[in-house]
Amino acid sequence: MTTSTKGGALSFWVKLAYGSGDWSLASFGTLRQVFYAIFLTDVVGLEPRLASFAALIGIIWDAINDPIVGTLSDRVRSRWGRRRPFLLLFTIPFGLSFVALWWAPPFHNQYLLAATVCATFMLSDTLQTLVSIPFYALTPEITSDYDERTSLSGYRMFFNLLASLATAVAAPAIVSAALAAGASQQQGYFIVSAFFGGLAVIPFFIIFAVVRERNNSDDEAEEKIPFTKTLQMSWANIPFRFATALYMLNWITFDLVALVLPFFLAYWISKGNLLQKALGLPISSAVFACLLVTSVIVLPFWVWLARKIGKQKAYIIGMIFWAVVQLLIYSIQPGQINYILVLAVMAGISVSTAHVLPDAIFPDVIEWDELRTGARREGIFYGVKNFVRKLTGALAIFIALQVIGWFGYQSPPVGATQFSQPDSALQAIRFLIGPLGAILLLSAIGMAWFYPLTREKHARIRQLLARKKSRAAKKD
């Protein structure tokens, strides 16, 4: 089975196979986004401010490699293409990195703990880079059609949200069951990471077998472009600047809200009852189930709306709704479990938008760049994009842990099922998940408002590219 390399409609099976790759990345990402901060403070036992530096250094150090991996994937030549060899070689190590990330070192020195966490984080994140960059860089090669890219992103985000739902619901349930059975949270996280790490290897092998890359025999000139020059040329792409800023603001909001939510649920809503349940599940599982099930259900609506009125307008509508929900979350009082479940459903409507549309917008910058430079450099653009994605995660972890650390957050004793935080830490948690989230969303709306590539402009770019290639073919 192969893909069409000249745009146009893609088969259902190609979309399904390619979209499944987001299961692997989203299960890894969701566990890290949502639970890693509370794992560091409550299981590893790191002081929040020290934990924030360990995570920040790890992500930034490794994120530097993202544009390099992107450039490398642009330059690889093999019988399997440029991107797929990375999936073949690094998928199994990527799956094993799940377990490594969730290891709690058996020593108590805070600085030694921080150094070990930082090194482990860098290792797992590097392996994630080596599969994610080539995977993402396949998107503009699979189709050049404006609406088909939205559809392809929809398939990806279906698996993304499905994986997010599975991990966000299963992880608290497994950890809670471990605590209730007298085991440790560490053992619970080990089971979670081993299970989802094993599942993560399957989709990338399917993509390797099913998806075919276009012939890049005419792109040899890009090998001679120095790396620093490539970065400069990428920054000169004006739509790329707006798409990157939008992407950063979009994901730092999602990361921040997802990261702070377990703290908010455990210590504000549940009043420190770490075994609090809702709908028969641990409260974190119940809230994430309401949010993510809703996101999956409404996903086709946002794909349809983007086709109808354009990606930017649909995105702006969704983000305005989400900003309102974040402000309402700030009004929740302790014990109002039903209220948080209702708001989780409302948030899920917009979270679906935040997942699908930024990734549908981003590939359009590739044709703009090709029109200007005559070369296609998907790898470097997606390398920078992945760098930004990791940077948002680093900033979210750093901001959240720094703030709650400065306001007196305390790690609960090992095995505790009831623990209260100081009021100052609780108020800081409320601000992070409510007003700050809304401010970031409004900033993302501003970037979308001024993004220069509409459907009509993108169609014009494709027409100009077709004429340019036609003239070049006649000369040859």
Protein backbone atom coordinates (compact mmCIF):
# COMPACT_ATOMS: atom_id res chain seq x y z
CA MET A 1 0.00 0.00 0.00
CA THR A 2 1.38 3.42 -0.87
CA THR A 3 0.41 7.02 -0.52
CA SER A 4 -0.17 9.51 -3.28
CA THR A 5 2.70 11.98 -3.51
CA LYS A 6 0.99 14.58 -5.61
CA GLY A 7 -1.76 15.71 -3.29
CA GLY A 8 -5.40 14.72 -3.76
CA ALA A 9 -7.47 12.30 -1.72
CA LEU A 10 -5.77 9.76 0.52
CA SER A 11 -7.17 6.32 1.19
CA PHE A 12 -8.83 5.57 4.51
CA TRP A 13 -6.20 2.94 5.32
CA VAL A 14 -3.28 5.28 4.70
CA LYS A 15 -4.83 7.92 6.96
CA LEU A 16 -5.58 5.33 9.62
CA ALA A 17 -2.08 3.85 9.52
CA TYR A 18 -0.34 7.20 9.65
CA GLY A 19 -2.69 8.58 12.30
CA SER A 20 -1.94 5.64 14.59
CA GLY A 21 1.55 7.05 15.14
CA ASP A 22 0.05 9.62 17.46
CA TRP A 23 -0.99 6.81 19.81
CA SER A 24 2.69 6.19 20.55
CA LEU A 25 3.64 9.84 20.98
CA ALA A 26 0.50 10.85 22.87
CA SER A 27 0.69 8.03 25.40
CA PHE A 28 4.31 9.02 26.12
CA GLY A 29 3.43 12.73 26.13
CA THR A 30 0.27 12.49 28.22
CA LEU A 31 1.97 10.55 31.00
CA ARG A 32 4.74 13.13 31.05
CA GLN A 33 2.51 16.20 30.70
CA VAL A 34 -0.03 15.21 33.31
CA PHE A 35 1.73 13.08 35.89
CA TYR A 36 5.47 13.71 35.71
CA ALA A 37 5.51 16.79 37.93
CA ILE A 38 3.48 15.15 40.70
CA PHE A 39 5.59 11.99 40.25
CA LEU A 40 8.75 14.02 40.91
CA THR A 41 7.34 15.73 44.01
CA ASP A 42 5.24 12.95 45.55
CA VAL A 43 7.08 9.75 44.48
CA VAL A 44 10.71 10.69 43.80
CA GLY A 45 10.53 13.17 46.68
CA LEU A 46 12.19 16.11 44.93
CA GLU A 47 11.60 19.61 46.28
CA PRO A 48 9.40 21.32 43.63
CA ARG A 49 11.82 24.11 42.71
CA LEU A 50 14.73 21.68 42.35
CA ALA A 51 12.52 19.33 40.32
CA SER A 52 11.64 22.19 37.98
CA PHE A 53 15.31 22.85 37.19
CA ALA A 54 16.01 19.15 36.60
CA ALA A 55 13.16 18.91 34.08
CA LEU A 56 13.97 22.26 32.45
CA ILE A 57 17.63 21.43 31.89
CA GLY A 58 16.76 17.98 30.56
CA ILE A 59 14.24 19.23 28.02
CA ILE A 60 16.18 22.26 26.80
CA TRP A 61 19.40 20.23 26.40
CA ASP A 62 17.67 17.60 24.36
CA ALA A 63 15.45 20.02 22.45
CA ILE A 64 18.60 21.52 20.94
CA ASN A 65 18.92 18.24 19.07
CA ASP A 66 15.49 18.51 17.44
CA PRO A 67 16.44 20.79 14.52
CA ILE A 68 19.59 18.68 14.09
CA VAL A 69 17.56 15.46 13.81
CA GLY A 70 15.20 17.26 11.44
CA THR A 71 18.07 18.34 9.20
CA LEU A 72 19.56 14.84 9.36
CA SER A 73 16.27 13.29 8.26
CA ASP A 74 16.15 15.75 5.35
CA ARG A 75 19.57 14.54 4.21
CA VAL A 76 19.29 10.78 4.72
CA ARG A 77 19.18 8.74 1.52
CA SER A 78 18.11 5.11 1.70
CA ARG A 79 15.95 2.63 -0.17
CA TRP A 80 13.28 3.28 2.49
CA GLY A 81 13.35 7.05 2.03
CA ARG A 82 14.42 9.80 4.41
CA ARG A 83 12.06 9.39 7.37
CA ARG A 84 11.14 5.71 7.68
CA PRO A 85 14.64 4.39 8.58
CA PHE A 86 14.41 6.33 11.85
CA LEU A 87 11.15 4.55 12.71
CA LEU A 88 12.72 1.16 12.00
CA LEU A 89 15.85 1.78 14.07
CA PHE A 90 14.60 3.72 17.10
CA THR A 91 11.05 2.51 17.78
CA ILE A 92 11.98 -0.26 20.25
CA PRO A 93 14.43 1.94 22.23
CA PHE A 94 11.70 4.59 22.32
CA GLY A 95 9.30 2.06 23.86
CA LEU A 96 11.86 1.05 26.48
CA SER A 97 12.36 4.70 27.42
CA PHE A 98 8.85 4.73 28.93
CA VAL A 99 10.05 2.63 31.82
CA ALA A 100 13.30 4.54 32.33
CA LEU A 101 11.44 7.84 32.71
CA TRP A 102 9.36 6.56 35.62
CA TRP A 103 12.16 5.15 37.77
CA ALA A 104 12.48 6.60 41.28
CA PRO A 105 16.18 6.46 42.29
CA PRO A 106 16.76 4.67 45.64
CA PHE A 107 18.73 7.46 47.32
CA HIS A 108 17.82 10.58 49.25
CA ASN A 109 20.34 13.30 48.39
CA GLN A 110 18.29 15.98 46.65
CA TYR A 111 21.02 17.07 44.24
CA LEU A 112 21.91 13.50 43.28
CA LEU A 113 18.22 12.79 42.72
CA ALA A 114 17.90 15.88 40.53
CA ALA A 115 20.97 14.93 38.46
CA THR A 116 19.68 11.39 37.92
CA VAL A 117 16.21 12.59 36.95
CA CYS A 118 17.74 15.08 34.52
CA ALA A 119 19.92 12.43 32.83
CA THR A 120 17.04 9.95 32.55
CA PHE A 121 14.77 12.63 31.15
CA MET A 122 17.37 13.55 28.52
CA LEU A 123 17.77 9.93 27.44
CA SER A 124 14.05 9.23 27.05
CA ASP A 125 13.41 12.54 25.34
CA THR A 126 16.25 11.96 22.86
CA LEU A 127 14.75 8.64 21.82
CA GLN A 128 11.38 10.31 21.45
CA THR A 129 12.96 12.91 19.15
CA LEU A 130 14.46 10.26 16.89
CA VAL A 131 11.01 8.88 16.05
CA SER A 132 8.77 11.92 16.38
CA ILE A 133 10.61 14.30 14.03
CA PRO A 134 10.65 11.89 11.06
CA PHE A 135 7.04 10.92 11.80
CA TYR A 136 5.82 14.52 11.78
CA ALA A 137 7.92 15.40 8.74
CA LEU A 138 6.00 12.81 6.71
CA THR A 139 2.81 14.92 6.91
CA PRO A 140 3.49 17.41 4.09
CA GLU A 141 4.98 14.64 1.97
CA ILE A 142 1.85 12.51 2.18
CA THR A 143 -0.42 15.19 0.73
CA SER A 144 -0.14 18.81 -0.39
CA ASP A 145 -3.91 19.37 -0.34
CA TYR A 146 -5.11 22.02 2.15
CA ASP A 147 -8.23 20.13 3.29
CA GLU A 148 -6.66 16.68 3.15
CA ARG A 149 -4.06 17.87 5.64
CA THR A 150 -6.86 18.85 7.99
CA SER A 151 -8.40 15.40 7.51
CA LEU A 152 -5.03 13.71 8.09
CA SER A 153 -4.54 15.73 11.26
CA GLY A 154 -8.02 14.65 12.31
CA TYR A 155 -7.02 10.98 12.08
CA ARG A 156 -3.83 11.70 14.00
CA MET A 157 -5.69 13.57 16.69
CA PHE A 158 -8.23 10.77 17.01
CA PHE A 159 -5.41 8.46 18.06
CA ASN A 160 -3.82 11.27 20.07
CA LEU A 161 -6.96 11.82 22.10
CA LEU A 162 -7.65 8.09 22.37
CA ALA A 163 -4.16 7.51 23.79
CA SER A 164 -4.50 10.53 26.06
CA LEU A 165 -7.81 9.15 27.32
CA ALA A 166 -6.40 5.68 27.91
CA THR A 167 -3.31 6.88 29.77
CA ALA A 168 -4.99 9.68 31.71
CA VAL A 169 -7.70 7.32 32.98
CA ALA A 170 -5.57 4.21 33.48
CA ALA A 171 -2.57 5.79 35.22
CA PRO A 172 -4.39 7.19 38.29
CA ALA A 173 -6.53 4.04 38.50
CA ILE A 174 -3.49 1.75 38.53
CA VAL A 175 -1.55 3.92 40.99
CA SER A 176 -4.61 4.23 43.24
CA ALA A 177 -5.12 0.45 43.13
CA ALA A 178 -1.47 -0.05 44.07
CA LEU A 179 -1.86 2.23 47.08
CA ALA A 180 -5.10 0.57 48.17
CA ALA A 181 -3.41 -2.85 47.93
CA GLY A 182 -0.53 -1.73 50.13
CA ALA A 183 1.97 -1.40 47.27
CA SER A 184 3.85 1.78 46.35
CA GLN A 185 3.06 4.48 43.83
CA GLN A 186 6.40 3.64 42.17
CA GLN A 187 5.18 0.11 41.46
CA GLY A 188 1.96 1.50 40.02
CA TYR A 189 3.83 3.86 37.68
CA PHE A 190 6.14 1.01 36.62
CA ILE A 191 3.14 -1.07 35.50
CA VAL A 192 1.68 1.89 33.59
CA SER A 193 4.94 2.72 31.83
CA ALA A 194 5.71 -0.89 30.88
CA PHE A 195 2.24 -1.45 29.46
CA PHE A 196 2.02 1.69 27.35
CA GLY A 197 5.69 1.49 26.38
CA GLY A 198 5.03 -1.95 24.90
CA LEU A 199 2.03 -0.71 22.95
CA ALA A 200 3.99 2.29 21.64
CA VAL A 201 6.20 0.26 19.32
CA ILE A 202 3.38 -1.18 17.20
CA PRO A 203 2.11 1.90 15.26
CA PHE A 204 5.54 3.03 14.04
CA PHE A 205 6.27 -0.40 12.56
CA ILE A 206 2.88 -0.25 10.81
CA ILE A 207 3.74 3.18 9.37
CA PHE A 208 7.12 1.87 8.19
CA ALA A 209 5.36 -0.94 6.33
CA VAL A 210 2.42 1.04 4.89
CA VAL A 211 3.46 4.62 4.13
CA ARG A 212 5.71 5.41 1.18
CA GLU A 213 7.64 8.64 0.78
CA ARG A 214 7.80 10.67 -2.39
CA ASN A 215 10.88 10.47 -4.60
CA ASN A 216 13.40 13.04 -3.39
CA SER A 217 16.01 12.53 -6.04
CA ASP A 218 15.69 16.15 -7.13
CA ASP A 219 16.41 17.58 -3.69
CA GLU A 220 20.15 16.96 -3.50
CA ALA A 221 20.89 20.69 -3.35
CA GLU A 222 19.54 20.94 0.17
CA GLU A 223 22.41 18.78 1.44
CA LYS A 224 24.80 21.65 0.75
CA ILE A 225 22.95 24.18 2.89
CA PRO A 226 24.73 24.71 6.24
CA PHE A 227 22.68 24.05 9.35
CA THR A 228 22.87 27.64 10.63
CA LYS A 229 21.87 28.94 7.20
CA THR A 230 18.90 26.58 7.19
CA LEU A 231 17.73 27.98 10.53
CA GLN A 232 18.06 31.53 9.21
CA MET A 233 16.05 30.68 6.10
CA SER A 234 13.38 29.01 8.24
CA TRP A 235 13.03 32.12 10.41
CA ALA A 236 12.66 34.24 7.26
CA ASN A 237 9.43 32.32 6.55
CA ILE A 238 6.82 34.73 7.95
CA PRO A 239 3.91 32.24 8.16
CA PHE A 240 6.28 29.91 10.01
CA ARG A 241 6.82 32.56 12.69
CA PHE A 242 3.09 32.96 13.30
CA ALA A 243 2.41 29.21 13.15
CA THR A 244 5.24 28.56 15.62
CA ALA A 245 4.08 31.25 18.06
CA LEU A 246 0.52 29.94 17.87
CA TYR A 247 1.75 26.40 18.42
CA MET A 248 3.84 27.42 21.42
CA LEU A 249 1.05 29.36 23.15
CA ASN A 250 -1.47 26.63 22.39
CA TRP A 251 0.62 23.87 23.91
CA ILE A 252 2.05 25.69 26.87
CA THR A 253 -1.56 26.32 27.92
CA PHE A 254 -2.50 22.68 27.48
CA ASP A 255 0.66 21.47 29.22
CA LEU A 256 0.24 23.87 32.12
CA VAL A 257 -3.41 22.99 32.70
CA ALA A 258 -2.79 19.24 32.34
CA LEU A 259 0.20 19.37 34.68
CA VAL A 260 -1.49 21.39 37.42
CA LEU A 261 -4.82 19.54 37.23
CA PRO A 262 -3.76 16.51 39.35
CA PHE A 263 -2.52 18.90 42.07
CA PHE A 264 -5.76 20.90 41.80
CA LEU A 265 -7.94 17.79 42.05
CA ALA A 266 -6.01 16.14 44.88
CA TYR A 267 -5.44 19.10 47.16
CA TRP A 268 -8.18 21.65 46.32
CA ILE A 269 -11.23 19.72 45.08
CA SER A 270 -10.60 16.59 47.20
CA LYS A 271 -9.31 18.50 50.28
CA GLY A 272 -6.18 16.33 50.42
CA ASN A 273 -7.97 12.96 50.15
CA LEU A 274 -5.57 11.17 47.77
CA LEU A 275 -8.03 8.29 47.27
CA GLN A 276 -11.03 10.51 46.38
CA LYS A 277 -13.32 8.95 43.77
CA ALA A 278 -15.88 10.27 41.28
CA LEU A 279 -18.09 8.19 39.00
CA GLY A 280 -16.55 5.11 40.63
CA LEU A 281 -13.04 6.08 39.51
CA PRO A 282 -10.15 8.00 41.07
CA ILE A 283 -11.10 11.64 40.64
CA SER A 284 -8.23 12.31 38.19
CA SER A 285 -9.38 9.39 36.03
CA ALA A 286 -12.99 10.60 36.08
CA VAL A 287 -12.14 14.20 35.15
CA PHE A 288 -9.79 13.21 32.35
CA ALA A 289 -12.33 10.68 31.07
CA CYS A 290 -15.01 13.38 30.83
CA LEU A 291 -12.59 15.79 29.13
CA LEU A 292 -11.04 13.40 26.64
CA VAL A 293 -14.15 11.39 25.72
CA THR A 294 -15.81 14.68 24.84
CA SER A 295 -12.74 15.68 22.81
CA VAL A 296 -12.90 12.48 20.75
CA ILE A 297 -16.65 12.84 20.14
CA VAL A 298 -16.47 16.44 18.91
CA LEU A 299 -13.30 15.99 16.84
CA PRO A 300 -15.19 15.45 13.53
CA PHE A 301 -17.13 18.66 14.20
CA TRP A 302 -13.96 20.76 14.31
CA VAL A 303 -12.60 19.10 11.15
CA TRP A 304 -15.92 19.90 9.43
CA LEU A 305 -15.98 23.48 10.73
CA ALA A 306 -12.39 24.06 9.57
CA ARG A 307 -13.35 22.92 6.08
CA LYS A 308 -16.41 25.18 6.18
CA ILE A 309 -14.96 28.45 7.49
CA GLY A 310 -11.18 27.89 7.47
CA LYS A 311 -8.71 26.64 10.06
CA GLN A 312 -7.98 30.01 11.65
CA LYS A 313 -11.58 31.02 12.30
CA ALA A 314 -12.48 27.59 13.67
CA TYR A 315 -9.44 27.70 15.95
CA ILE A 316 -10.32 31.16 17.28
CA ILE A 317 -13.87 30.07 18.10
CA GLY A 318 -12.63 27.03 19.99
CA MET A 319 -10.03 28.94 21.98
CA ILE A 320 -12.45 31.66 23.07
CA PHE A 321 -14.73 28.96 24.46
CA TRP A 322 -11.83 27.29 26.26
CA ALA A 323 -10.67 30.59 27.82
CA VAL A 324 -14.13 31.07 29.32
CA VAL A 325 -14.03 27.54 30.77
CA GLN A 326 -10.64 28.19 32.40
CA LEU A 327 -12.02 31.26 34.14
CA LEU A 328 -14.99 29.22 35.39
CA ILE A 329 -12.59 26.60 36.80
CA TYR A 330 -11.12 29.30 39.03
CA SER A 331 -14.55 29.68 40.68
CA ILE A 332 -14.76 26.04 41.84
CA GLN A 333 -14.76 25.51 45.60
CA PRO A 334 -13.50 22.45 47.56
CA GLY A 335 -15.83 19.47 47.39
CA GLN A 336 -17.67 20.59 44.21
CA ILE A 337 -16.99 17.36 42.34
CA ASN A 338 -20.01 17.50 40.03
CA TYR A 339 -19.10 21.05 38.98
CA ILE A 340 -15.57 20.04 37.94
CA LEU A 341 -16.98 17.10 35.95
CA VAL A 342 -19.33 19.43 34.05
CA LEU A 343 -16.50 21.86 33.31
CA ALA A 344 -14.31 18.96 32.18
CA VAL A 345 -16.93 18.12 29.55
CA MET A 346 -17.05 21.77 28.45
CA ALA A 347 -13.25 21.98 28.30
CA GLY A 348 -13.16 18.82 26.18
CA ILE A 349 -15.07 20.59 23.42
CA SER A 350 -12.24 23.09 22.99
CA VAL A 351 -9.32 20.82 23.84
CA SER A 352 -10.23 18.91 20.68
CA THR A 353 -9.68 22.14 18.70
CA ALA A 354 -6.34 22.74 20.38
CA HIS A 355 -5.19 19.27 19.34
CA VAL A 356 -6.21 19.15 15.69
CA LEU A 357 -6.02 22.64 14.19
CA PRO A 358 -2.49 23.85 15.06
CA ASP A 359 -1.11 20.67 13.48
CA ALA A 360 -3.36 21.17 10.45
CA ILE A 361 -2.16 24.76 10.04
CA PHE A 362 1.55 24.07 10.35
CA PRO A 363 2.25 22.02 7.15
CA ASP A 364 1.13 24.92 4.93
CA VAL A 365 4.34 26.81 5.72
CA ILE A 366 6.30 24.15 3.78
CA GLU A 367 4.92 25.24 0.40
CA TRP A 368 5.51 28.90 1.22
CA ASP A 369 9.15 28.03 1.90
CA GLU A 370 9.41 25.90 -1.25
CA LEU A 371 8.07 28.74 -3.37
CA ARG A 372 10.67 31.13 -1.93
CA THR A 373 13.70 28.84 -1.87
CA GLY A 374 13.02 26.04 -4.38
CA ALA A 375 13.70 23.36 -1.73
CA ARG A 376 11.56 21.31 0.62
CA ARG A 377 12.92 21.11 4.17
CA GLU A 378 10.15 19.38 6.13
CA GLY A 379 12.68 17.96 8.56
CA ILE A 380 14.12 21.26 9.73
CA PHE A 381 10.69 22.89 10.08
CA TYR A 382 9.35 19.96 12.07
CA GLY A 383 12.57 19.85 14.05
CA VAL A 384 12.03 23.46 15.11
CA LYS A 385 8.35 22.70 15.73
CA ASN A 386 9.27 19.78 17.98
CA PHE A 387 11.82 21.98 19.75
CA VAL A 388 9.00 24.45 20.49
CA ARG A 389 6.76 21.61 21.65
CA LYS A 390 9.37 20.43 24.13
CA LEU A 391 10.13 23.97 25.19
CA THR A 392 6.46 24.48 26.11
CA GLY A 393 6.59 21.33 28.23
CA ALA A 394 9.75 22.56 29.91
CA LEU A 395 8.26 25.97 30.60
CA ALA A 396 5.04 24.47 31.94
CA ILE A 397 6.90 22.20 34.36
CA PHE A 398 9.30 24.97 35.37
CA ILE A 399 6.60 27.60 35.93
CA ALA A 400 4.25 25.28 37.81
CA LEU A 401 6.84 23.73 40.11
CA GLN A 402 8.61 27.01 40.76
CA VAL A 403 5.35 28.75 41.70
CA ILE A 404 3.99 26.03 43.98
CA GLY A 405 7.45 25.58 45.50
CA TRP A 406 7.76 29.27 46.35
CA PHE A 407 4.28 29.21 47.85
CA GLY A 408 5.06 26.39 50.25
CA TYR A 409 4.06 23.11 48.54
CA GLN A 410 5.09 20.06 50.59
CA SER A 411 5.64 16.47 49.45
CA PRO A 412 3.37 14.00 51.30
CA PRO A 413 4.94 11.15 53.30
CA VAL A 414 5.43 7.87 51.43
CA GLY A 415 2.21 5.85 51.48
CA ALA A 416 0.04 8.75 52.72
CA THR A 417 -3.60 8.72 51.62
CA GLN A 418 -4.61 12.01 53.30
CA PHE A 419 -2.46 15.14 53.18
CA SER A 420 -3.21 18.88 53.23
CA GLN A 421 -1.22 21.64 51.54
CA PRO A 422 -0.75 25.20 52.90
CA ASP A 423 -3.39 27.68 51.75
CA SER A 424 -0.74 29.73 49.91
CA ALA A 425 0.17 26.71 47.74
CA LEU A 426 -3.51 26.01 47.04
CA GLN A 427 -4.13 29.57 45.85
CA ALA A 428 -1.08 29.39 43.60
CA ILE A 429 -2.40 26.16 42.06
CA ARG A 430 -5.79 27.82 41.44
CA PHE A 431 -4.17 30.79 39.68
CA LEU A 432 -2.05 28.57 37.45
CA ILE A 433 -4.99 26.52 36.24
CA GLY A 434 -7.48 29.40 35.90
CA PRO A 435 -6.49 33.01 35.04
CA LEU A 436 -3.01 32.21 33.70
CA GLY A 437 -4.43 29.59 31.35
CA ALA A 438 -7.00 32.05 30.03
CA ILE A 439 -4.34 34.72 29.42
CA LEU A 440 -2.22 32.29 27.39
CA LEU A 441 -5.22 31.22 25.32
CA LEU A 442 -6.07 34.81 24.45
CA SER A 443 -2.48 35.27 23.26
CA ALA A 444 -2.83 32.20 21.00
CA ILE A 445 -6.02 33.68 19.57
CA GLY A 446 -4.05 36.81 18.66
CA MET A 447 -1.48 34.75 16.72
CA ALA A 448 -4.25 32.92 14.84
CA TRP A 449 -5.96 36.21 13.98
CA PHE A 450 -2.85 37.52 12.20
CA TYR A 451 -1.71 34.23 10.61
CA PRO A 452 -1.26 35.11 6.91
CA LEU A 453 -2.01 31.82 5.09
CA THR A 454 -5.71 31.39 4.36
CA ARG A 455 -7.13 28.58 2.22
CA GLU A 456 -7.19 30.93 -0.78
CA LYS A 457 -3.57 32.06 -0.34
CA HIS A 458 -2.41 28.48 0.09
CA ALA A 459 -4.19 27.47 -3.11
CA ARG A 460 -2.46 30.32 -4.92
CA ILE A 461 0.93 29.16 -3.62
CA ARG A 462 0.27 25.67 -4.92
CA GLN A 463 -0.67 27.07 -8.33
CA LEU A 464 2.54 29.06 -8.50
CA LEU A 465 4.57 26.02 -7.48
CA ALA A 466 2.90 23.92 -10.19
CA ARG A 467 3.75 26.55 -12.84
CA LYS A 468 7.32 26.78 -11.59
CA LYS A 469 7.78 23.02 -11.76
CA SER A 470 6.13 22.86 -15.17
CA ARG A 471 8.51 25.48 -16.57
CA ALA A 472 11.49 23.67 -15.05
CA ALA A 473 10.34 20.38 -16.61
CA LYS A 474 10.05 21.99 -20.04
CA LYS A 475 13.58 23.36 -19.78
CA ASP A 476 14.87 19.90 -18.93
